Amino acid sequence: MLTYYRPFPDDDAAATRQRLLGTPWPAWRDMVLDDLETAHPGLDRTVRRLDVMVWAHAMVRPTVGLIWGPQRQQWLVPVRGLHLAHCDTSGLPLFEQAMYQGIRCADAAMTERGVPYATSLS
């Protein structure tokens, strides 16, 4: 499975969002596969499924008070056993933070379930 991310920066975010939401699936397929073809020649012949999800923004946009404020602290609290593990829970859109948050959540889930494990965070 591959996840493809492509930003569409524009001064008019609302207009861009509407344009993207109105883009038909074949156009998304062609754009994604054409873009990835350089790094992965022949990818279009091996893809079995291509799902398209259009999100307003793929990464957190840090704002004043986000990193140390109460909203971010709420994201760290599991909801009915579901632990959020992505860079948004740190307040910084960094790959390393996403990896750390994933391991942190795996450790917490294993502890909650009483499953023995060795963490890689030490």
N, C-alpha and C. Protein backbone atom coordinates (compact mmCIF):
# COMPACT_ATOMS: atom_id res chain seq x y z
N MET A 1 0.84 -1.16 0.00
CA MET A 1 0.00 0.00 0.00
C MET A 1 0.90 1.24 0.00
N LEU A 2 0.54 2.21 -0.80
CA LEU A 2 1.23 3.49 -0.84
C LEU A 2 0.24 4.59 -0.47
N THR A 3 0.74 5.58 0.23
CA THR A 3 -0.05 6.78 0.49
C THR A 3 0.60 7.90 -0.29
N TYR A 4 -0.18 8.61 -1.04
CA TYR A 4 0.31 9.69 -1.88
C TYR A 4 -0.24 11.00 -1.33
N TYR A 5 0.63 11.96 -1.15
CA TYR A 5 0.22 13.27 -0.67
C TYR A 5 0.66 14.32 -1.67
N ARG A 6 -0.23 15.24 -1.96
CA ARG A 6 0.12 16.33 -2.87
C ARG A 6 -0.54 17.60 -2.38
N PRO A 7 0.25 18.60 -2.09
CA PRO A 7 -0.33 19.87 -1.64
C PRO A 7 -0.86 20.68 -2.82
N PHE A 8 -1.85 21.48 -2.57
CA PHE A 8 -2.40 22.39 -3.56
C PHE A 8 -2.46 23.78 -2.93
N PRO A 9 -1.29 24.40 -2.75
CA PRO A 9 -1.28 25.71 -2.11
C PRO A 9 -1.92 26.76 -3.01
N ASP A 10 -2.70 27.60 -2.40
CA ASP A 10 -3.39 28.63 -3.15
C ASP A 10 -3.83 29.71 -2.18
N ASP A 11 -3.94 30.91 -2.66
CA ASP A 11 -4.39 32.00 -1.80
C ASP A 11 -5.86 31.87 -1.45
N ASP A 12 -6.63 31.24 -2.31
CA ASP A 12 -8.06 31.08 -2.06
C ASP A 12 -8.34 29.61 -1.74
N ALA A 13 -8.15 29.25 -0.48
CA ALA A 13 -8.29 27.84 -0.07
C ALA A 13 -9.69 27.31 -0.32
N ALA A 14 -10.72 28.11 -0.10
CA ALA A 14 -12.10 27.65 -0.29
C ALA A 14 -12.36 27.31 -1.75
N ALA A 15 -11.91 28.15 -2.66
CA ALA A 15 -12.11 27.88 -4.09
C ALA A 15 -11.33 26.64 -4.52
N THR A 16 -10.11 26.51 -4.03
CA THR A 16 -9.29 25.34 -4.36
C THR A 16 -9.95 24.07 -3.85
N ARG A 17 -10.46 24.10 -2.62
CA ARG A 17 -11.14 22.94 -2.04
C ARG A 17 -12.33 22.53 -2.91
N GLN A 18 -13.13 23.50 -3.34
CA GLN A 18 -14.30 23.18 -4.17
C GLN A 18 -13.87 22.57 -5.51
N ARG A 19 -12.81 23.12 -6.09
CA ARG A 19 -12.30 22.57 -7.36
C ARG A 19 -11.82 21.14 -7.17
N LEU A 20 -11.10 20.88 -6.08
CA LEU A 20 -10.59 19.53 -5.84
C LEU A 20 -11.72 18.55 -5.55
N LEU A 21 -12.71 18.98 -4.79
CA LEU A 21 -13.84 18.11 -4.50
C LEU A 21 -14.65 17.77 -5.75
N GLY A 22 -14.60 18.66 -6.74
CA GLY A 22 -15.32 18.42 -8.00
C GLY A 22 -14.51 17.67 -9.05
N THR A 23 -13.26 17.34 -8.72
CA THR A 23 -12.41 16.64 -9.68
C THR A 23 -12.83 15.17 -9.76
N PRO A 24 -13.12 14.65 -10.96
CA PRO A 24 -13.55 13.25 -11.08
C PRO A 24 -12.41 12.26 -10.82
N TRP A 25 -12.78 11.06 -10.40
CA TRP A 25 -11.80 10.03 -10.06
C TRP A 25 -10.80 9.75 -11.18
N PRO A 26 -11.21 9.63 -12.44
CA PRO A 26 -10.22 9.35 -13.50
C PRO A 26 -9.12 10.43 -13.57
N ALA A 27 -9.46 11.67 -13.31
CA ALA A 27 -8.45 12.73 -13.33
C ALA A 27 -7.47 12.56 -12.18
N TRP A 28 -7.98 12.19 -10.99
CA TRP A 28 -7.10 11.92 -9.85
C TRP A 28 -6.18 10.74 -10.16
N ARG A 29 -6.75 9.67 -10.69
CA ARG A 29 -5.96 8.47 -11.03
C ARG A 29 -4.81 8.84 -11.96
N ASP A 30 -5.15 9.54 -13.03
CA ASP A 30 -4.13 9.90 -14.02
C ASP A 30 -3.05 10.79 -13.42
N MET A 31 -3.45 11.77 -12.61
CA MET A 31 -2.49 12.70 -12.00
C MET A 31 -1.53 11.95 -11.07
N VAL A 32 -2.08 11.09 -10.22
CA VAL A 32 -1.26 10.36 -9.25
C VAL A 32 -0.31 9.40 -9.95
N LEU A 33 -0.84 8.60 -10.86
CA LEU A 33 0.01 7.62 -11.55
C LEU A 33 1.05 8.29 -12.43
N ASP A 34 0.68 9.37 -13.10
CA ASP A 34 1.65 10.09 -13.92
C ASP A 34 2.78 10.65 -13.05
N ASP A 35 2.42 11.18 -11.89
CA ASP A 35 3.42 11.75 -11.00
C ASP A 35 4.36 10.68 -10.45
N LEU A 36 3.83 9.52 -10.12
CA LEU A 36 4.64 8.45 -9.54
C LEU A 36 5.42 7.63 -10.57
N GLU A 37 5.06 7.76 -11.84
CA GLU A 37 5.69 6.98 -12.90
C GLU A 37 7.20 7.19 -12.97
N THR A 38 7.67 8.38 -12.71
CA THR A 38 9.11 8.66 -12.78
C THR A 38 9.88 7.79 -11.79
N ALA A 39 9.37 7.72 -10.56
CA ALA A 39 10.06 6.94 -9.53
C ALA A 39 9.73 5.45 -9.61
N HIS A 40 8.58 5.12 -10.17
CA HIS A 40 8.11 3.73 -10.21
C HIS A 40 7.61 3.39 -11.61
N PRO A 41 8.54 3.19 -12.57
CA PRO A 41 8.12 2.88 -13.94
C PRO A 41 7.23 1.64 -13.98
N GLY A 42 6.15 1.73 -14.73
CA GLY A 42 5.24 0.60 -14.88
C GLY A 42 4.25 0.45 -13.75
N LEU A 43 4.22 1.38 -12.82
CA LEU A 43 3.31 1.28 -11.68
C LEU A 43 1.85 1.14 -12.12
N ASP A 44 1.49 1.85 -13.18
CA ASP A 44 0.11 1.80 -13.66
C ASP A 44 -0.34 0.39 -14.05
N ARG A 45 0.61 -0.49 -14.40
CA ARG A 45 0.26 -1.86 -14.79
C ARG A 45 0.13 -2.79 -13.58
N THR A 46 0.58 -2.34 -12.41
CA THR A 46 0.53 -3.20 -11.23
C THR A 46 -0.48 -2.76 -10.18
N VAL A 47 -0.99 -1.55 -10.31
CA VAL A 47 -1.96 -1.05 -9.33
C VAL A 47 -3.26 -1.83 -9.47
N ARG A 48 -3.74 -2.35 -8.36
CA ARG A 48 -5.00 -3.10 -8.36
C ARG A 48 -6.16 -2.25 -7.86
N ARG A 49 -5.83 -1.24 -7.06
CA ARG A 49 -6.87 -0.41 -6.48
C ARG A 49 -6.28 0.96 -6.17
N LEU A 50 -7.04 2.00 -6.42
CA LEU A 50 -6.59 3.35 -6.11
C LEU A 50 -7.77 4.10 -5.50
N ASP A 51 -7.66 4.35 -4.21
CA ASP A 51 -8.69 5.11 -3.50
C ASP A 51 -8.25 6.56 -3.42
N VAL A 52 -9.18 7.47 -3.56
CA VAL A 52 -8.87 8.89 -3.48
C VAL A 52 -9.65 9.48 -2.32
N MET A 53 -8.92 10.14 -1.42
CA MET A 53 -9.53 10.85 -0.30
C MET A 53 -9.02 12.30 -0.37
N VAL A 54 -9.92 13.23 -0.45
CA VAL A 54 -9.54 14.64 -0.50
C VAL A 54 -9.79 15.22 0.89
N TRP A 55 -8.71 15.64 1.52
CA TRP A 55 -8.78 16.24 2.85
C TRP A 55 -8.49 17.72 2.73
N ALA A 56 -9.03 18.48 3.67
CA ALA A 56 -8.82 19.92 3.65
C ALA A 56 -7.34 20.26 3.81
N HIS A 57 -6.66 19.56 4.68
CA HIS A 57 -5.23 19.78 4.88
C HIS A 57 -4.65 18.51 5.49
N ALA A 58 -3.58 18.03 4.92
CA ALA A 58 -3.04 16.73 5.34
C ALA A 58 -2.17 16.80 6.59
N MET A 59 -1.76 17.97 6.97
CA MET A 59 -0.89 18.08 8.13
C MET A 59 -1.39 19.19 9.05
N VAL A 60 -1.05 19.04 10.31
CA VAL A 60 -1.42 20.05 11.29
C VAL A 60 -0.72 21.37 10.94
N ARG A 61 -1.42 22.46 11.17
CA ARG A 61 -0.83 23.79 11.00
C ARG A 61 -0.64 24.36 12.40
N PRO A 62 0.57 24.30 12.91
CA PRO A 62 0.79 24.77 14.28
C PRO A 62 0.36 26.23 14.44
N THR A 63 -0.32 26.50 15.52
CA THR A 63 -0.74 27.85 15.87
C THR A 63 -0.28 28.15 17.29
N VAL A 64 -0.32 29.40 17.66
CA VAL A 64 0.09 29.80 19.00
C VAL A 64 -0.75 29.04 20.03
N GLY A 65 -0.08 28.42 20.97
CA GLY A 65 -0.74 27.70 22.04
C GLY A 65 -1.05 26.24 21.75
N LEU A 66 -0.85 25.79 20.52
CA LEU A 66 -1.21 24.42 20.16
C LEU A 66 -0.32 23.39 20.86
N ILE A 67 0.98 23.57 20.79
CA ILE A 67 1.90 22.55 21.29
C ILE A 67 1.76 22.32 22.79
N TRP A 68 1.62 23.37 23.57
CA TRP A 68 1.56 23.23 25.02
C TRP A 68 0.15 23.43 25.56
N GLY A 69 -0.83 23.66 24.71
CA GLY A 69 -2.18 23.96 25.16
C GLY A 69 -3.03 22.74 25.45
N PRO A 70 -4.23 22.97 25.99
CA PRO A 70 -5.11 21.87 26.41
C PRO A 70 -5.67 21.05 25.25
N GLN A 71 -5.85 21.65 24.08
CA GLN A 71 -6.42 20.89 22.95
C GLN A 71 -5.51 19.73 22.57
N ARG A 72 -4.21 19.96 22.45
CA ARG A 72 -3.28 18.89 22.08
C ARG A 72 -3.26 17.82 23.17
N GLN A 73 -3.34 18.20 24.40
CA GLN A 73 -3.34 17.23 25.50
C GLN A 73 -4.54 16.29 25.40
N GLN A 74 -5.67 16.79 24.94
CA GLN A 74 -6.87 15.96 24.76
C GLN A 74 -6.65 14.89 23.68
N TRP A 75 -5.87 15.20 22.67
CA TRP A 75 -5.62 14.25 21.59
C TRP A 75 -4.81 13.05 22.07
N LEU A 76 -4.11 13.21 23.19
CA LEU A 76 -3.26 12.13 23.71
C LEU A 76 -4.03 11.14 24.57
N VAL A 77 -5.28 11.46 24.89
CA VAL A 77 -6.10 10.60 25.74
C VAL A 77 -6.85 9.59 24.85
N PRO A 78 -6.68 8.29 25.10
CA PRO A 78 -7.38 7.29 24.29
C PRO A 78 -8.90 7.40 24.44
N VAL A 79 -9.60 7.08 23.37
CA VAL A 79 -11.06 7.08 23.37
C VAL A 79 -11.52 5.65 23.15
N ARG A 80 -12.11 5.04 24.18
CA ARG A 80 -12.58 3.65 24.11
C ARG A 80 -11.51 2.72 23.53
N GLY A 81 -10.29 2.87 24.01
CA GLY A 81 -9.20 2.00 23.57
C GLY A 81 -8.52 2.42 22.28
N LEU A 82 -8.99 3.49 21.65
CA LEU A 82 -8.39 3.97 20.41
C LEU A 82 -7.36 5.04 20.74
N HIS A 83 -6.12 4.78 20.38
CA HIS A 83 -5.02 5.72 20.61
C HIS A 83 -4.71 6.44 19.30
N LEU A 84 -4.69 7.74 19.32
CA LEU A 84 -4.36 8.51 18.12
C LEU A 84 -2.85 8.57 17.97
N ALA A 85 -2.38 8.16 16.81
CA ALA A 85 -0.94 8.09 16.57
C ALA A 85 -0.62 8.70 15.21
N HIS A 86 -0.34 9.96 15.21
CA HIS A 86 0.09 10.64 13.99
C HIS A 86 0.77 11.93 14.39
N CYS A 87 1.32 12.63 13.44
CA CYS A 87 2.08 13.83 13.79
C CYS A 87 1.20 14.92 14.37
N ASP A 88 -0.10 14.90 14.12
CA ASP A 88 -0.96 15.92 14.68
C ASP A 88 -0.98 15.89 16.20
N THR A 89 -0.78 14.73 16.81
CA THR A 89 -0.82 14.66 18.27
C THR A 89 0.38 15.34 18.90
N SER A 90 1.41 15.62 18.12
CA SER A 90 2.57 16.35 18.67
C SER A 90 2.46 17.84 18.38
N GLY A 91 1.63 18.20 17.42
CA GLY A 91 1.52 19.59 17.04
C GLY A 91 2.52 20.02 16.00
N LEU A 92 3.36 19.08 15.54
CA LEU A 92 4.37 19.38 14.54
C LEU A 92 4.25 18.40 13.38
N PRO A 93 4.17 18.88 12.13
CA PRO A 93 4.03 17.99 10.98
C PRO A 93 5.37 17.41 10.55
N LEU A 94 5.93 16.52 11.38
CA LEU A 94 7.22 15.93 11.10
C LEU A 94 7.12 14.40 11.07
N PHE A 95 7.82 13.78 10.13
CA PHE A 95 7.81 12.32 10.02
C PHE A 95 8.27 11.68 11.32
N GLU A 96 9.33 12.23 11.91
CA GLU A 96 9.88 11.65 13.13
C GLU A 96 8.85 11.68 14.27
N GLN A 97 8.07 12.73 14.32
CA GLN A 97 7.03 12.82 15.33
C GLN A 97 5.95 11.78 15.07
N ALA A 98 5.60 11.56 13.83
CA ALA A 98 4.59 10.55 13.51
C ALA A 98 5.08 9.16 13.93
N MET A 99 6.35 8.87 13.66
CA MET A 99 6.91 7.58 14.07
C MET A 99 6.89 7.44 15.59
N TYR A 100 7.33 8.47 16.28
CA TYR A 100 7.36 8.44 17.75
C TYR A 100 5.96 8.23 18.30
N GLN A 101 4.98 8.96 17.78
CA GLN A 101 3.61 8.84 18.28
C GLN A 101 3.06 7.44 18.02
N GLY A 102 3.39 6.84 16.90
CA GLY A 102 2.95 5.48 16.62
C GLY A 102 3.51 4.47 17.61
N ILE A 103 4.78 4.60 17.91
CA ILE A 103 5.41 3.69 18.89
C ILE A 103 4.84 3.94 20.28
N ARG A 104 4.65 5.21 20.63
CA ARG A 104 4.08 5.55 21.94
C ARG A 104 2.70 4.92 22.11
N CYS A 105 1.89 5.00 21.08
CA CYS A 105 0.54 4.42 21.15
C CYS A 105 0.58 2.90 21.18
N ALA A 106 1.48 2.30 20.43
CA ALA A 106 1.61 0.84 20.47
C ALA A 106 2.01 0.38 21.86
N ASP A 107 2.96 1.10 22.47
CA ASP A 107 3.37 0.77 23.84
C ASP A 107 2.19 0.88 24.80
N ALA A 108 1.43 1.96 24.69
CA ALA A 108 0.29 2.16 25.59
C ALA A 108 -0.76 1.07 25.41
N ALA A 109 -1.04 0.71 24.15
CA ALA A 109 -2.04 -0.33 23.88
C ALA A 109 -1.58 -1.69 24.43
N MET A 110 -0.31 -2.00 24.27
CA MET A 110 0.20 -3.27 24.79
C MET A 110 0.12 -3.30 26.32
N THR A 111 0.45 -2.19 26.95
CA THR A 111 0.38 -2.10 28.41
C THR A 111 -1.06 -2.26 28.89
N GLU A 112 -2.00 -1.57 28.24
CA GLU A 112 -3.42 -1.67 28.60
C GLU A 112 -3.93 -3.09 28.52
N ARG A 113 -3.45 -3.83 27.55
CA ARG A 113 -3.93 -5.20 27.33
C ARG A 113 -3.12 -6.24 28.10
N GLY A 114 -2.09 -5.78 28.79
CA GLY A 114 -1.27 -6.70 29.59
C GLY A 114 -0.40 -7.62 28.75
N VAL A 115 -0.05 -7.18 27.55
CA VAL A 115 0.77 -7.99 26.65
C VAL A 115 2.24 -7.63 26.86
N PRO A 116 3.08 -8.61 27.14
CA PRO A 116 4.51 -8.31 27.32
C PRO A 116 5.14 -7.84 26.01
N TYR A 117 6.01 -6.88 26.10
CA TYR A 117 6.68 -6.36 24.91
C TYR A 117 7.94 -5.62 25.35
N ALA A 118 8.79 -5.31 24.40
CA ALA A 118 9.98 -4.49 24.65
C ALA A 118 9.84 -3.24 23.79
N THR A 119 9.83 -2.09 24.43
CA THR A 119 9.68 -0.85 23.68
C THR A 119 10.98 -0.48 22.96
N SER A 120 10.85 0.25 21.90
CA SER A 120 12.03 0.74 21.18
C SER A 120 12.31 2.20 21.53
N LEU A 121 11.58 2.74 22.51
CA LEU A 121 11.75 4.15 22.87
C LEU A 121 12.78 4.40 23.95
N SER A 122 13.41 3.39 24.46
CA SER A 122 14.37 3.64 25.54
C SER A 122 15.75 3.95 25.03
